[in-house]
Amino acid sequence: MKTVLVLEDEALVMKLLLHILKHYTVLKATTAAQALQFFIDRACQIDVLVADITLPTSWGYTWRRVFVKRSPINSLALRRRFLPSHHSTK
């Protein structure tokens, strides 16, 4: 079974990704630091990286480059869509 590292800080998006990836082993990271720790601990066991490219403290593209340089991970970067101000969820 393939292992997917998901780096996503929004709970609703993470829930959706977990549902979509239910037939895979998923490592959940909500921060870049957690993703990095998974990578350090299990780099050779991670097949795919799914990363939010708009994290508050770092960019998913940066992590994608780091992971791909050090491991044969296939990667996919997601861009978060922002709602117009009149569609506020608050």
C-alpha atoms as a PDB file:
ATOM      1  CA  MET A   1       0.000   0.000   0.000  1.00  0.00           C
ATOM      2  CA  LYS A   2       1.248   3.491  -0.881  1.00  0.00           C
ATOM      3  CA  THR A   3       1.991   5.984   1.877  1.00  0.00           C
ATOM      4  CA  VAL A   4       0.887   9.597   1.451  1.00  0.00           C
ATOM      5  CA  LEU A   5       2.181  12.465   3.581  1.00  0.00           C
ATOM      6  CA  VAL A   6      -0.504  15.159   3.761  1.00  0.00           C
ATOM      7  CA  LEU A   7       0.606  18.620   4.893  1.00  0.00           C
ATOM      8  CA  GLU A   8      -2.562  20.673   5.422  1.00  0.00           C
ATOM      9  CA  ASP A   9      -3.504  23.099   8.191  1.00  0.00           C
ATOM     10  CA  GLU A  10      -7.239  23.469   7.500  1.00  0.00           C
ATOM     11  CA  ALA A  11      -9.316  20.800   9.259  1.00  0.00           C
ATOM     12  CA  LEU A  12     -12.058  20.663   6.611  1.00  0.00           C
ATOM     13  CA  VAL A  13      -9.570  20.240   3.765  1.00  0.00           C
ATOM     14  CA  MET A  14      -7.685  17.594   5.752  1.00  0.00           C
ATOM     15  CA  LYS A  15     -10.950  15.710   6.358  1.00  0.00           C
ATOM     16  CA  LEU A  16     -11.734  15.785   2.638  1.00  0.00           C
ATOM     17  CA  LEU A  17      -8.248  14.570   1.721  1.00  0.00           C
ATOM     18  CA  LEU A  18      -8.442  11.742   4.274  1.00  0.00           C
ATOM     19  CA  HIS A  19     -11.743  10.652   2.730  1.00  0.00           C
ATOM     20  CA  ILE A  20     -10.302  10.765  -0.789  1.00  0.00           C
ATOM     21  CA  LEU A  21      -7.165   8.899   0.297  1.00  0.00           C
ATOM     22  CA  LYS A  22      -8.948   6.298   2.462  1.00  0.00           C
ATOM     23  CA  HIS A  23      -7.369   3.402   0.546  1.00  0.00           C
ATOM     24  CA  TYR A  24      -3.845   4.618   1.308  1.00  0.00           C
ATOM     25  CA  THR A  25      -1.735   4.856   4.423  1.00  0.00           C
ATOM     26  CA  VAL A  26      -1.893   8.561   5.307  1.00  0.00           C
ATOM     27  CA  LEU A  27       0.504  10.476   7.528  1.00  0.00           C
ATOM     28  CA  LYS A  28      -1.237  13.670   8.699  1.00  0.00           C
ATOM     29  CA  ALA A  29       0.771  16.823   9.323  1.00  0.00           C
ATOM     30  CA  THR A  30      -0.820  20.162  10.140  1.00  0.00           C
ATOM     31  CA  THR A  31       2.483  22.044  10.353  1.00  0.00           C
ATOM     32  CA  ALA A  32       5.657  22.062   8.317  1.00  0.00           C
ATOM     33  CA  ALA A  33       7.555  20.906  11.421  1.00  0.00           C
ATOM     34  CA  GLN A  34       5.343  17.808  11.717  1.00  0.00           C
ATOM     35  CA  ALA A  35       5.808  17.040   8.019  1.00  0.00           C
ATOM     36  CA  LEU A  36       9.556  17.410   8.364  1.00  0.00           C
ATOM     37  CA  GLN A  37       9.578  15.009  11.321  1.00  0.00           C
ATOM     38  CA  PHE A  38       7.627  12.416   9.312  1.00  0.00           C
ATOM     39  CA  PHE A  39      10.096  12.887   6.487  1.00  0.00           C
ATOM     40  CA  ILE A  40      13.098  12.441   8.795  1.00  0.00           C
ATOM     41  CA  ASP A  41      11.558   9.348  10.403  1.00  0.00           C
ATOM     42  CA  ARG A  42      10.085   7.694   7.288  1.00  0.00           C
ATOM     43  CA  ALA A  43      11.477   9.273   4.109  1.00  0.00           C
ATOM     44  CA  CYS A  44      11.946   5.989   2.284  1.00  0.00           C
ATOM     45  CA  GLN A  45       8.404   4.919   3.157  1.00  0.00           C
ATOM     46  CA  ILE A  46       6.666   8.047   1.788  1.00  0.00           C
ATOM     47  CA  ASP A  47       5.468   7.680  -1.786  1.00  0.00           C
ATOM     48  CA  VAL A  48       3.500  10.891  -2.281  1.00  0.00           C
ATOM     49  CA  LEU A  49       3.512  14.348  -0.695  1.00  0.00           C
ATOM     50  CA  VAL A  50       0.300  16.396  -0.783  1.00  0.00           C
ATOM     51  CA  ALA A  51       1.117  19.879   0.502  1.00  0.00           C
ATOM     52  CA  ASP A  52      -0.823  23.063   1.078  1.00  0.00           C
ATOM     53  CA  ILE A  53       1.277  25.745  -0.606  1.00  0.00           C
ATOM     54  CA  THR A  54      -0.112  28.560   1.530  1.00  0.00           C
ATOM     55  CA  LEU A  55       0.790  27.513   5.061  1.00  0.00           C
ATOM     56  CA  PRO A  56       1.004  30.410   7.557  1.00  0.00           C
ATOM     57  CA  THR A  57       4.647  29.782   8.487  1.00  0.00           C
ATOM     58  CA  SER A  58       6.097  28.225   5.338  1.00  0.00           C
ATOM     59  CA  TRP A  59       5.341  27.478   1.719  1.00  0.00           C
ATOM     60  CA  GLY A  60       4.404  23.989   0.545  1.00  0.00           C
ATOM     61  CA  TYR A  61       6.514  24.518  -2.575  1.00  0.00           C
ATOM     62  CA  THR A  62       9.587  24.906  -0.366  1.00  0.00           C
ATOM     63  CA  TRP A  63       8.839  21.603   1.382  1.00  0.00           C
ATOM     64  CA  ARG A  64       8.173  19.922  -1.949  1.00  0.00           C
ATOM     65  CA  ARG A  65      11.663  20.898  -3.139  1.00  0.00           C
ATOM     66  CA  VAL A  66      13.257  19.678   0.110  1.00  0.00           C
ATOM     67  CA  PHE A  67      11.460  16.320  -0.033  1.00  0.00           C
ATOM     68  CA  VAL A  68      12.071  15.694  -3.725  1.00  0.00           C
ATOM     69  CA  LYS A  69      15.790  16.466  -3.375  1.00  0.00           C
ATOM     70  CA  ARG A  70      16.245  13.928  -0.595  1.00  0.00           C
ATOM     71  CA  SER A  71      13.801  11.190  -1.540  1.00  0.00           C
ATOM     72  CA  PRO A  72      12.126   9.726  -4.629  1.00  0.00           C
ATOM     73  CA  ILE A  73       8.744  11.115  -3.555  1.00  0.00           C
ATOM     74  CA  ASN A  74       6.128  11.897  -6.168  1.00  0.00           C
ATOM     75  CA  SER A  75       4.571  15.196  -5.221  1.00  0.00           C
ATOM     76  CA  LEU A  76       1.456  17.254  -5.660  1.00  0.00           C
ATOM     77  CA  ALA A  77       1.053  20.795  -4.360  1.00  0.00           C
ATOM     78  CA  LEU A  78      -2.386  22.208  -3.659  1.00  0.00           C
ATOM     79  CA  ARG A  79      -3.289  25.869  -3.825  1.00  0.00           C
ATOM     80  CA  ARG A  80      -5.810  27.097  -1.307  1.00  0.00           C
ATOM     81  CA  ARG A  81      -8.703  29.012  -2.833  1.00  0.00           C
ATOM     82  CA  PHE A  82      -9.705  32.165  -1.052  1.00  0.00           C
ATOM     83  CA  LEU A  83     -13.345  33.148  -0.828  1.00  0.00           C
ATOM     84  CA  PRO A  84     -14.337  36.698  -1.775  1.00  0.00           C
ATOM     85  CA  SER A  85     -15.024  38.846   1.293  1.00  0.00           C
ATOM     86  CA  HIS A  86     -18.803  38.617   0.782  1.00  0.00           C
ATOM     87  CA  HIS A  87     -18.563  34.811   1.182  1.00  0.00           C
ATOM     88  CA  SER A  88     -17.038  34.977   4.630  1.00  0.00           C
ATOM     89  CA  THR A  89     -17.415  31.774   6.674  1.00  0.00           C
ATOM     90  CA  LYS A  90     -17.390  33.616  10.023  1.00  0.00           C
END
